[in-house]
């Protein structure tokens, strides 16, 4: 085979490979992007997914965020965390108990920088009921015990 034919064959194979790869980049008419705004965990957020099944993925993510918000909310009277914060004790589900246990591990690992017991401080500043104020030093000292 002549050198020219070999070069043409190589160029053709490269072109064919590029076309196959580029052809795979098209869409098949399925959803390729889905997005949903929601408010949970005292935060406005947008969940976005890309690719086939994006709408289902966004819906599942939003449902899970809402479920966790209901379970762990400090403002929802039915949540386990709300009840613990109000009474100081209670029975936790396995899932919440695991999360609290891991959080306490992180508290120790970060020398107290990560502290799940911050609720009294948040309450003193008014973040829990939108009555914002600056607490005095004594009140903060009591909250951080």
C-alpha atoms as a PDB file:
ATOM      1  CA  UNK A   1       0.000   0.000   0.000  1.00  0.00           C
ATOM      2  CA  UNK A   2       1.369   3.411  -0.905  1.00  0.00           C
ATOM      3  CA  UNK A   3       2.156   6.032   1.697  1.00  0.00           C
ATOM      4  CA  UNK A   4      -0.651   8.290   0.388  1.00  0.00           C
ATOM      5  CA  UNK A   5      -3.252   5.534   0.738  1.00  0.00           C
ATOM      6  CA  UNK A   6      -2.122   4.808   4.310  1.00  0.00           C
ATOM      7  CA  UNK A   7      -2.404   8.509   5.237  1.00  0.00           C
ATOM      8  CA  UNK A   8      -5.886   8.727   3.673  1.00  0.00           C
ATOM      9  CA  UNK A   9      -6.953   5.590   5.514  1.00  0.00           C
ATOM     10  CA  UNK A  10      -5.661   6.979   8.849  1.00  0.00           C
ATOM     11  CA  UNK A  11      -7.390  10.323   8.234  1.00  0.00           C
ATOM     12  CA  UNK A  12     -10.631   8.503   7.366  1.00  0.00           C
ATOM     13  CA  UNK A  13     -10.430   6.374  10.543  1.00  0.00           C
ATOM     14  CA  UNK A  14      -9.755   9.449  12.700  1.00  0.00           C
ATOM     15  CA  UNK A  15     -12.694  11.261  11.053  1.00  0.00           C
ATOM     16  CA  UNK A  16     -14.950   8.229  11.575  1.00  0.00           C
ATOM     17  CA  UNK A  17     -13.938   7.992  15.242  1.00  0.00           C
ATOM     18  CA  UNK A  18     -14.633  11.702  15.765  1.00  0.00           C
ATOM     19  CA  UNK A  19     -18.067  11.347  14.152  1.00  0.00           C
ATOM     20  CA  UNK A  20     -18.954   8.372  16.359  1.00  0.00           C
ATOM     21  CA  UNK A  21     -17.904  10.241  19.499  1.00  0.00           C
ATOM     22  CA  UNK A  22     -19.647  13.461  18.420  1.00  0.00           C
ATOM     23  CA  UNK A  23     -22.785  11.526  17.538  1.00  0.00           C
ATOM     24  CA  UNK A  24     -22.966  10.258  21.107  1.00  0.00           C
ATOM     25  CA  UNK A  25     -23.175  13.825  22.394  1.00  0.00           C
ATOM     26  CA  UNK A  26     -26.661  14.432  21.030  1.00  0.00           C
ATOM     27  CA  UNK A  27     -29.848  14.118  23.030  1.00  0.00           C
ATOM     28  CA  UNK A  28     -32.434  11.411  22.663  1.00  0.00           C
ATOM     29  CA  UNK A  29     -35.335  13.690  23.475  1.00  0.00           C
ATOM     30  CA  UNK A  30     -35.244  12.792  27.188  1.00  0.00           C
ATOM     31  CA  UNK A  31     -34.842  15.406  29.880  1.00  0.00           C
ATOM     32  CA  UNK A  32     -31.259  16.634  30.055  1.00  0.00           C
ATOM     33  CA  UNK A  33     -31.620  19.322  32.700  1.00  0.00           C
ATOM     34  CA  UNK A  34     -34.089  19.832  35.507  1.00  0.00           C
ATOM     35  CA  UNK A  35     -34.124  22.340  38.308  1.00  0.00           C
ATOM     36  CA  UNK A  36     -36.299  23.018  41.330  1.00  0.00           C
ATOM     37  CA  UNK A  37     -36.286  25.804  43.905  1.00  0.00           C
ATOM     38  CA  UNK A  38     -37.255  25.051  47.480  1.00  0.00           C
ATOM     39  CA  UNK A  39     -37.042  26.411  50.985  1.00  0.00           C
ATOM     40  CA  UNK A  40     -35.851  23.960  53.622  1.00  0.00           C
ATOM     41  CA  UNK A  41     -33.471  23.991  56.563  1.00  0.00           C
ATOM     42  CA  UNK A  42     -34.039  27.750  56.832  1.00  0.00           C
ATOM     43  CA  UNK A  43     -32.369  28.186  53.452  1.00  0.00           C
ATOM     44  CA  UNK A  44     -33.517  28.944  49.925  1.00  0.00           C
ATOM     45  CA  UNK A  45     -31.912  26.446  47.586  1.00  0.00           C
ATOM     46  CA  UNK A  46     -31.966  25.266  44.009  1.00  0.00           C
ATOM     47  CA  UNK A  47     -31.479  21.616  43.138  1.00  0.00           C
ATOM     48  CA  UNK A  48     -30.293  20.992  39.579  1.00  0.00           C
ATOM     49  CA  UNK A  49     -29.542  17.723  37.794  1.00  0.00           C
ATOM     50  CA  UNK A  50     -28.335  16.998  34.284  1.00  0.00           C
ATOM     51  CA  UNK A  51     -28.757  13.994  32.042  1.00  0.00           C
ATOM     52  CA  UNK A  52     -31.312  11.320  31.437  1.00  0.00           C
ATOM     53  CA  UNK A  53     -33.697  11.104  34.381  1.00  0.00           C
ATOM     54  CA  UNK A  54     -32.839  14.612  35.589  1.00  0.00           C
ATOM     55  CA  UNK A  55     -36.422  15.423  36.588  1.00  0.00           C
ATOM     56  CA  UNK A  56     -36.727  12.276  38.686  1.00  0.00           C
ATOM     57  CA  UNK A  57     -33.336  12.945  40.304  1.00  0.00           C
ATOM     58  CA  UNK A  58     -34.323  16.513  41.211  1.00  0.00           C
ATOM     59  CA  UNK A  59     -37.643  15.334  42.653  1.00  0.00           C
ATOM     60  CA  UNK A  60     -35.926  12.641  44.735  1.00  0.00           C
ATOM     61  CA  UNK A  61     -33.305  15.090  46.011  1.00  0.00           C
ATOM     62  CA  UNK A  62     -35.952  17.664  46.950  1.00  0.00           C
ATOM     63  CA  UNK A  63     -38.028  14.986  48.705  1.00  0.00           C
ATOM     64  CA  UNK A  64     -34.990  13.838  50.712  1.00  0.00           C
ATOM     65  CA  UNK A  65     -34.087  17.410  51.686  1.00  0.00           C
ATOM     66  CA  UNK A  66     -37.665  17.971  52.864  1.00  0.00           C
ATOM     67  CA  UNK A  67     -37.666  14.676  54.785  1.00  0.00           C
ATOM     68  CA  UNK A  68     -34.437  15.582  56.577  1.00  0.00           C
ATOM     69  CA  UNK A  69     -35.781  19.057  57.314  1.00  0.00           C
ATOM     70  CA  UNK A  70     -38.859  17.517  58.959  1.00  0.00           C
ATOM     71  CA  UNK A  71     -36.689  15.134  60.973  1.00  0.00           C
ATOM     72  CA  UNK A  72     -33.944  17.536  62.055  1.00  0.00           C
ATOM     73  CA  UNK A  73     -35.569  20.980  62.123  1.00  0.00           C
ATOM     74  CA  UNK A  74     -35.070  23.127  65.200  1.00  0.00           C
ATOM     75  CA  UNK A  75     -38.285  24.989  64.399  1.00  0.00           C
ATOM     76  CA  UNK A  76     -40.695  22.143  63.620  1.00  0.00           C
ATOM     77  CA  UNK A  77     -42.444  21.035  66.824  1.00  0.00           C
ATOM     78  CA  UNK A  78     -42.784  17.493  65.457  1.00  0.00           C
ATOM     79  CA  UNK A  79     -39.079  17.001  64.741  1.00  0.00           C
ATOM     80  CA  UNK A  80     -36.841  14.956  66.999  1.00  0.00           C
ATOM     81  CA  UNK A  81     -34.289  17.755  67.278  1.00  0.00           C
ATOM     82  CA  UNK A  82     -36.942  20.296  68.311  1.00  0.00           C
ATOM     83  CA  UNK A  83     -38.172  17.957  71.040  1.00  0.00           C
ATOM     84  CA  UNK A  84     -34.645  17.317  72.336  1.00  0.00           C
ATOM     85  CA  UNK A  85     -33.898  21.054  72.347  1.00  0.00           C
ATOM     86  CA  UNK A  86     -37.072  21.774  74.328  1.00  0.00           C
ATOM     87  CA  UNK A  87     -36.899  18.974  76.901  1.00  0.00           C
ATOM     88  CA  UNK A  88     -33.219  18.128  77.066  1.00  0.00           C
ATOM     89  CA  UNK A  89     -33.876  14.437  76.486  1.00  0.00           C
ATOM     90  CA  UNK A  90     -35.922  12.084  74.374  1.00  0.00           C
ATOM     91  CA  UNK A  91     -35.868   9.020  72.186  1.00  0.00           C
ATOM     92  CA  UNK A  92     -34.133   9.407  68.852  1.00  0.00           C
ATOM     93  CA  UNK A  93     -34.574   7.340  65.726  1.00  0.00           C
ATOM     94  CA  UNK A  94     -31.556   5.312  64.678  1.00  0.00           C
ATOM     95  CA  UNK A  95     -30.870   7.766  61.855  1.00  0.00           C
ATOM     96  CA  UNK A  96     -30.945  10.857  64.082  1.00  0.00           C
ATOM     97  CA  UNK A  97     -28.944   9.131  66.820  1.00  0.00           C
ATOM     98  CA  UNK A  98     -26.260   8.247  64.269  1.00  0.00           C
ATOM     99  CA  UNK A  99     -26.124  11.842  63.042  1.00  0.00           C
ATOM    100  CA  UNK A 100     -25.820  13.188  66.587  1.00  0.00           C
ATOM    101  CA  UNK A 101     -23.114  10.633  67.382  1.00  0.00           C
ATOM    102  CA  UNK A 102     -21.103  11.557  64.274  1.00  0.00           C
ATOM    103  CA  UNK A 103     -21.557  15.255  65.081  1.00  0.00           C
ATOM    104  CA  UNK A 104     -20.134  14.701  68.552  1.00  0.00           C
ATOM    105  CA  UNK A 105     -17.182  12.884  66.977  1.00  0.00           C
ATOM    106  CA  UNK A 106     -16.614  15.925  64.744  1.00  0.00           C
ATOM    107  CA  UNK A 107     -16.875  18.205  67.767  1.00  0.00           C
ATOM    108  CA  UNK A 108     -14.022  16.303  69.388  1.00  0.00           C
ATOM    109  CA  UNK A 109     -11.990  16.044  66.174  1.00  0.00           C
ATOM    110  CA  UNK A 110     -12.216  19.820  65.594  1.00  0.00           C
ATOM    111  CA  UNK A 111     -11.530  20.777  69.221  1.00  0.00           C
ATOM    112  CA  UNK A 112     -15.022  22.244  69.497  1.00  0.00           C
ATOM    113  CA  UNK A 113     -15.035  24.229  66.238  1.00  0.00           C
ATOM    114  CA  UNK A 114     -17.935  22.104  64.957  1.00  0.00           C
ATOM    115  CA  UNK A 115     -20.586  22.235  67.660  1.00  0.00           C
ATOM    116  CA  UNK A 116     -24.132  20.927  67.253  1.00  0.00           C
ATOM    117  CA  UNK A 117     -25.036  22.378  70.653  1.00  0.00           C
ATOM    118  CA  UNK A 118     -25.126  25.872  69.141  1.00  0.00           C
ATOM    119  CA  UNK A 119     -28.934  26.173  69.394  1.00  0.00           C
ATOM    120  CA  UNK A 120     -28.957  28.189  72.667  1.00  0.00           C
ATOM    121  CA  UNK A 121     -26.562  30.696  71.093  1.00  0.00           C
ATOM    122  CA  UNK A 122     -28.708  30.934  67.945  1.00  0.00           C
ATOM    123  CA  UNK A 123     -31.755  31.489  70.149  1.00  0.00           C
ATOM    124  CA  UNK A 124     -29.977  34.217  72.150  1.00  0.00           C
ATOM    125  CA  UNK A 125     -29.195  36.089  68.919  1.00  0.00           C
ATOM    126  CA  UNK A 126     -32.829  35.693  67.766  1.00  0.00           C
ATOM    127  CA  UNK A 127     -32.110  33.505  64.752  1.00  0.00           C
ATOM    128  CA  UNK A 128     -34.709  30.928  65.791  1.00  0.00           C
ATOM    129  CA  UNK A 129     -37.680  33.305  65.883  1.00  0.00           C
ATOM    130  CA  UNK A 130     -36.504  36.235  63.704  1.00  0.00           C
ATOM    131  CA  UNK A 131     -36.328  38.565  66.731  1.00  0.00           C
ATOM    132  CA  UNK A 132     -32.718  39.505  66.051  1.00  0.00           C
ATOM    133  CA  UNK A 133     -30.709  41.141  68.808  1.00  0.00           C
ATOM    134  CA  UNK A 134     -27.213  41.274  70.243  1.00  0.00           C
ATOM    135  CA  UNK A 135     -27.042  39.317  73.502  1.00  0.00           C
ATOM    136  CA  UNK A 136     -24.763  40.527  76.260  1.00  0.00           C
ATOM    137  CA  UNK A 137     -21.564  38.675  77.139  1.00  0.00           C
ATOM    138  CA  UNK A 138     -23.025  37.056  80.266  1.00  0.00           C
ATOM    139  CA  UNK A 139     -25.942  35.587  78.330  1.00  0.00           C
ATOM    140  CA  UNK A 140     -23.594  34.181  75.693  1.00  0.00           C
ATOM    141  CA  UNK A 141     -21.349  32.712  78.358  1.00  0.00           C
ATOM    142  CA  UNK A 142     -24.354  30.907  79.897  1.00  0.00           C
ATOM    143  CA  UNK A 143     -25.459  29.678  76.447  1.00  0.00           C
ATOM    144  CA  UNK A 144     -22.099  28.210  75.589  1.00  0.00           C
ATOM    145  CA  UNK A 145     -21.872  25.914  78.628  1.00  0.00           C
END
